[in-house]
Amino acid sequence: MEITWYGHSCFRLTERNFVTVVTDPYDHKKAGYEPLKLKAEIVTISHDAPGHNNNDAVKGTTHVLTGPGEFEIGGVFITAVQTDSVAKKAKDNVRNTIYVFDYDGITVAHLGDLQKIPTQSEVELLGSVNVALVPVGGGTSLNAAKAAEVVSMLEPNLVIPMHYSTPDSKLNLDALGKFIKEMGLSKPEAQPSLKVSRSSLPEETHVVVLDYQKG
């Protein structure tokens, strides 16, 4: 399968003979980046905010998922787990949904706008995660230190950082370097997309940095 990043929290997941998924399509006027011009059968929205909920930017959509549940669409199994981004009593409580996509045994978890460390029960609901798409830039979601802690809990084979400051982002977020440092790494070379197969998954957790593509 192939994973392509379009900036912020928006990814496209594609695999031959399976439906295409786009996660958290943004309103470019709010998030920055180029206007999205994507096609996909499935759009997932982690929470209702302009940087994450612009499903009108994706053409050909037959399913828009906005909350928890279990789904099987076009050969892809999707597990959606709700988390509370902030304390339950807070007035600005944001409901966040984590989506795990199972493409023929390869699982990709999109953590959405996760803000606090998930509980052990939430982690168990996600199941085994091969690829974790993790917010690392703070703002309304995980900062670098919390993101590194979540990675250690999930123990994925691959981590792709998202939701951080870039030259085209309009949002006030931390740069990627903080997360890379927190993980004890030197900055890896960015690549245009990631192709994943079961045989290519590393045993130890490996961080992959993607260049955002123009949608």
Protein backbone atom coordinates (compact mmCIF):
# COMPACT_ATOMS: atom_id res chain seq x y z
CA MET A 1 0.00 0.00 0.00
CA GLU A 2 1.04 3.63 -0.43
CA ILE A 3 0.70 6.48 2.08
CA THR A 4 0.91 10.07 0.81
CA TRP A 5 0.82 13.21 2.99
CA TYR A 6 -0.81 16.45 1.85
CA GLY A 7 0.09 18.56 4.88
CA HIS A 8 -1.37 19.01 8.36
CA SER A 9 -3.25 15.76 9.20
CA CYS A 10 -4.36 14.87 5.67
CA PHE A 11 -3.17 11.60 4.14
CA ARG A 12 -4.26 9.42 1.26
CA LEU A 13 -4.06 5.63 1.65
CA THR A 14 -4.14 3.61 -1.57
CA GLU A 15 -3.80 -0.06 -2.43
CA ARG A 16 -4.66 -1.89 -5.64
CA ASN A 17 -8.07 -3.62 -5.49
CA PHE A 18 -9.05 -1.71 -2.32
CA VAL A 19 -10.90 1.55 -1.73
CA THR A 20 -8.91 4.74 -1.27
CA VAL A 21 -9.06 6.61 2.04
CA VAL A 22 -8.41 10.32 2.72
CA THR A 23 -7.98 11.39 6.34
CA ASP A 24 -8.78 14.82 7.84
CA PRO A 25 -9.07 16.94 4.66
CA TYR A 26 -8.49 20.58 5.58
CA ASP A 27 -9.81 23.97 4.55
CA HIS A 28 -6.64 25.47 3.03
CA LYS A 29 -7.76 28.99 3.98
CA LYS A 30 -7.44 27.99 7.64
CA ALA A 31 -4.64 25.42 7.56
CA GLY A 32 -2.48 26.77 4.75
CA TYR A 33 -1.11 24.50 1.99
CA GLU A 34 -2.59 24.19 -1.50
CA PRO A 35 -6.31 23.57 -2.05
CA LEU A 36 -7.00 19.84 -2.00
CA LYS A 37 -8.07 18.12 -5.23
CA LEU A 38 -8.24 14.51 -4.13
CA LYS A 39 -10.44 11.54 -4.99
CA ALA A 40 -11.36 8.79 -2.52
CA GLU A 41 -14.27 6.54 -1.66
CA ILE A 42 -13.78 7.04 2.09
CA VAL A 43 -13.12 10.23 4.05
CA THR A 44 -12.44 10.09 7.80
CA ILE A 45 -12.80 13.11 10.07
CA SER A 46 -11.17 13.00 13.49
CA HIS A 47 -13.07 16.02 14.83
CA ASP A 48 -15.20 18.90 13.66
CA ALA A 49 -12.72 21.70 12.93
CA PRO A 50 -11.77 23.50 9.68
CA GLY A 51 -8.29 21.97 9.63
CA HIS A 52 -9.78 18.46 9.65
CA ASN A 53 -13.37 18.33 8.35
CA ASN A 54 -13.43 19.65 4.77
CA ASN A 55 -14.83 16.53 3.13
CA ASP A 56 -16.16 18.68 0.25
CA ALA A 57 -12.54 18.91 -0.96
CA VAL A 58 -12.54 15.19 -1.79
CA LYS A 59 -14.39 13.95 -4.88
CA GLY A 60 -15.99 10.56 -5.48
CA THR A 61 -16.72 9.96 -1.80
CA THR A 62 -19.28 7.32 -0.86
CA HIS A 63 -18.60 7.18 2.91
CA VAL A 64 -17.72 9.97 5.35
CA LEU A 65 -16.84 8.64 8.81
CA THR A 66 -17.07 11.08 11.70
CA GLY A 67 -17.11 8.96 14.86
CA PRO A 68 -16.52 5.64 16.58
CA GLY A 69 -17.56 2.25 15.29
CA GLU A 70 -16.42 -0.69 13.20
CA PHE A 71 -16.75 -0.60 9.43
CA GLU A 72 -15.92 -2.79 6.45
CA ILE A 73 -15.89 -0.84 3.19
CA GLY A 74 -14.40 -2.03 -0.09
CA GLY A 75 -12.22 -4.65 1.56
CA VAL A 76 -10.83 -2.26 4.19
CA PHE A 77 -11.65 -2.92 7.84
CA ILE A 78 -11.83 0.28 9.90
CA THR A 79 -11.87 0.49 13.68
CA ALA A 80 -12.76 3.96 14.99
CA VAL A 81 -12.11 4.69 18.68
CA GLN A 82 -13.27 7.87 20.39
CA THR A 83 -10.95 9.70 22.77
CA ASP A 84 -11.50 12.87 24.77
CA SER A 85 -8.99 15.46 23.70
CA VAL A 86 -9.30 17.34 26.98
CA ALA A 87 -10.73 16.75 30.43
CA LYS A 88 -14.36 15.65 30.33
CA LYS A 89 -15.57 18.59 32.42
CA ALA A 90 -13.89 21.24 30.29
CA LYS A 91 -16.22 23.47 28.32
CA ASP A 92 -14.08 23.26 25.19
CA ASN A 93 -14.07 19.48 25.26
CA VAL A 94 -13.19 18.10 21.84
CA ARG A 95 -14.19 14.58 20.91
CA ASN A 96 -11.40 13.03 18.88
CA THR A 97 -11.65 9.84 16.85
CA ILE A 98 -8.68 7.58 16.12
CA TYR A 99 -9.08 5.46 12.99
CA VAL A 100 -7.26 2.18 12.37
CA PHE A 101 -7.34 1.00 8.76
CA ASP A 102 -6.65 -2.67 8.05
CA TYR A 103 -5.55 -3.18 4.44
CA ASP A 104 -5.20 -6.96 4.08
CA GLY A 105 -3.33 -7.31 7.36
CA ILE A 106 -1.35 -4.05 7.29
CA THR A 107 -2.77 -1.68 9.89
CA VAL A 108 -2.46 2.11 9.77
CA ALA A 109 -3.60 4.21 12.76
CA HIS A 110 -4.45 7.89 12.25
CA LEU A 111 -4.44 9.48 15.71
CA GLY A 112 -6.34 12.59 14.64
CA ASP A 113 -6.08 15.52 17.03
CA LEU A 114 -5.20 13.37 20.02
CA GLN A 115 -4.25 15.68 22.87
CA LYS A 116 -3.72 13.47 25.87
CA ILE A 117 -2.03 10.13 26.38
CA PRO A 118 -4.61 7.43 25.59
CA THR A 119 -5.68 5.03 28.31
CA GLN A 120 -4.55 1.42 28.25
CA SER A 121 -8.10 0.36 27.34
CA GLU A 122 -8.13 2.79 24.40
CA VAL A 123 -4.78 1.42 23.21
CA GLU A 124 -6.10 -2.14 23.43
CA LEU A 125 -9.13 -1.18 21.30
CA LEU A 126 -6.78 -0.08 18.54
CA GLY A 127 -5.18 -3.52 18.31
CA SER A 128 -1.81 -4.08 16.67
CA VAL A 129 -0.56 -1.00 14.77
CA ASN A 130 1.97 -1.32 11.94
CA VAL A 131 2.02 2.34 10.87
CA ALA A 132 1.12 5.21 13.22
CA LEU A 133 0.30 8.68 11.86
CA VAL A 134 1.09 10.82 14.89
CA PRO A 135 0.49 14.54 15.63
CA VAL A 136 3.73 15.96 17.07
CA GLY A 137 3.53 19.77 16.86
CA GLY A 138 1.44 20.69 19.90
CA GLY A 139 -1.28 23.30 19.48
CA THR A 140 -4.54 21.41 20.01
CA SER A 141 -2.82 18.01 19.88
CA LEU A 142 0.17 16.10 21.22
CA ASN A 143 3.44 17.92 21.73
CA ALA A 144 6.75 16.23 20.96
CA ALA A 145 7.20 14.65 24.41
CA LYS A 146 3.65 13.27 24.57
CA ALA A 147 3.89 12.04 20.98
CA ALA A 148 7.05 10.09 21.82
CA GLU A 149 5.27 8.57 24.83
CA VAL A 150 2.30 7.50 22.68
CA VAL A 151 4.70 5.91 20.18
CA SER A 152 6.25 3.87 22.97
CA MET A 153 2.77 2.70 24.04
CA LEU A 154 1.65 1.70 20.53
CA GLU A 155 4.97 0.13 19.52
CA PRO A 156 4.28 0.52 15.77
CA ASN A 157 6.74 -0.65 13.12
CA LEU A 158 6.65 2.74 11.42
CA VAL A 159 5.83 6.28 12.61
CA ILE A 160 4.92 9.13 10.27
CA PRO A 161 4.80 12.53 12.03
CA MET A 162 2.02 14.99 11.12
CA HIS A 163 0.41 18.19 12.42
CA TYR A 164 3.58 20.27 12.80
CA SER A 165 4.93 23.57 11.51
CA THR A 166 5.98 23.73 7.85
CA PRO A 167 6.71 26.65 5.49
CA ASP A 168 3.15 26.41 4.09
CA SER A 169 1.28 25.90 7.36
CA LYS A 170 -0.73 28.83 8.72
CA LEU A 171 -1.10 27.32 12.19
CA ASN A 172 1.00 28.02 15.26
CA LEU A 173 2.69 24.64 15.75
CA ASP A 174 6.11 23.38 16.82
CA ALA A 175 8.65 22.31 14.23
CA LEU A 176 9.33 18.65 13.49
CA GLY A 177 12.81 18.87 15.00
CA LYS A 178 11.48 18.75 18.57
CA PHE A 179 9.88 15.34 17.99
CA ILE A 180 12.92 13.99 16.15
CA LYS A 181 15.10 15.06 19.08
CA GLU A 182 12.62 13.55 21.58
CA MET A 183 12.91 10.23 19.72
CA GLY A 184 16.71 10.43 19.94
CA LEU A 185 17.18 10.58 16.17
CA SER A 186 19.06 12.66 13.68
CA LYS A 187 16.64 14.17 11.17
CA PRO A 188 15.80 11.57 8.53
CA GLU A 189 15.63 12.44 4.84
CA ALA A 190 12.08 13.29 3.77
CA GLN A 191 10.53 11.20 1.00
CA PRO A 192 7.51 11.87 -1.27
CA SER A 193 5.43 8.90 -0.09
CA LEU A 194 5.74 5.61 1.76
CA LYS A 195 5.12 2.22 0.19
CA VAL A 196 4.42 -0.46 2.79
CA SER A 197 4.28 -4.22 2.47
CA ARG A 198 4.32 -6.84 5.17
CA SER A 199 7.84 -7.88 4.17
CA SER A 200 9.11 -4.29 4.40
CA LEU A 201 8.01 -3.63 7.99
CA PRO A 202 11.03 -3.15 10.30
CA GLU A 203 11.13 -4.99 13.63
CA GLU A 204 12.18 -1.91 15.58
CA THR A 205 10.08 1.28 15.46
CA HIS A 206 11.30 3.46 12.59
CA VAL A 207 10.37 7.12 11.94
CA VAL A 208 9.58 8.08 8.34
CA VAL A 209 9.34 11.77 7.41
CA LEU A 210 7.20 12.58 4.37
CA ASP A 211 7.31 15.67 2.17
CA TYR A 212 3.80 17.06 1.82
CA GLN A 213 2.45 16.80 -1.72
CA LYS A 214 0.21 19.29 -3.46
CA GLY A 215 -3.31 17.86 -3.48
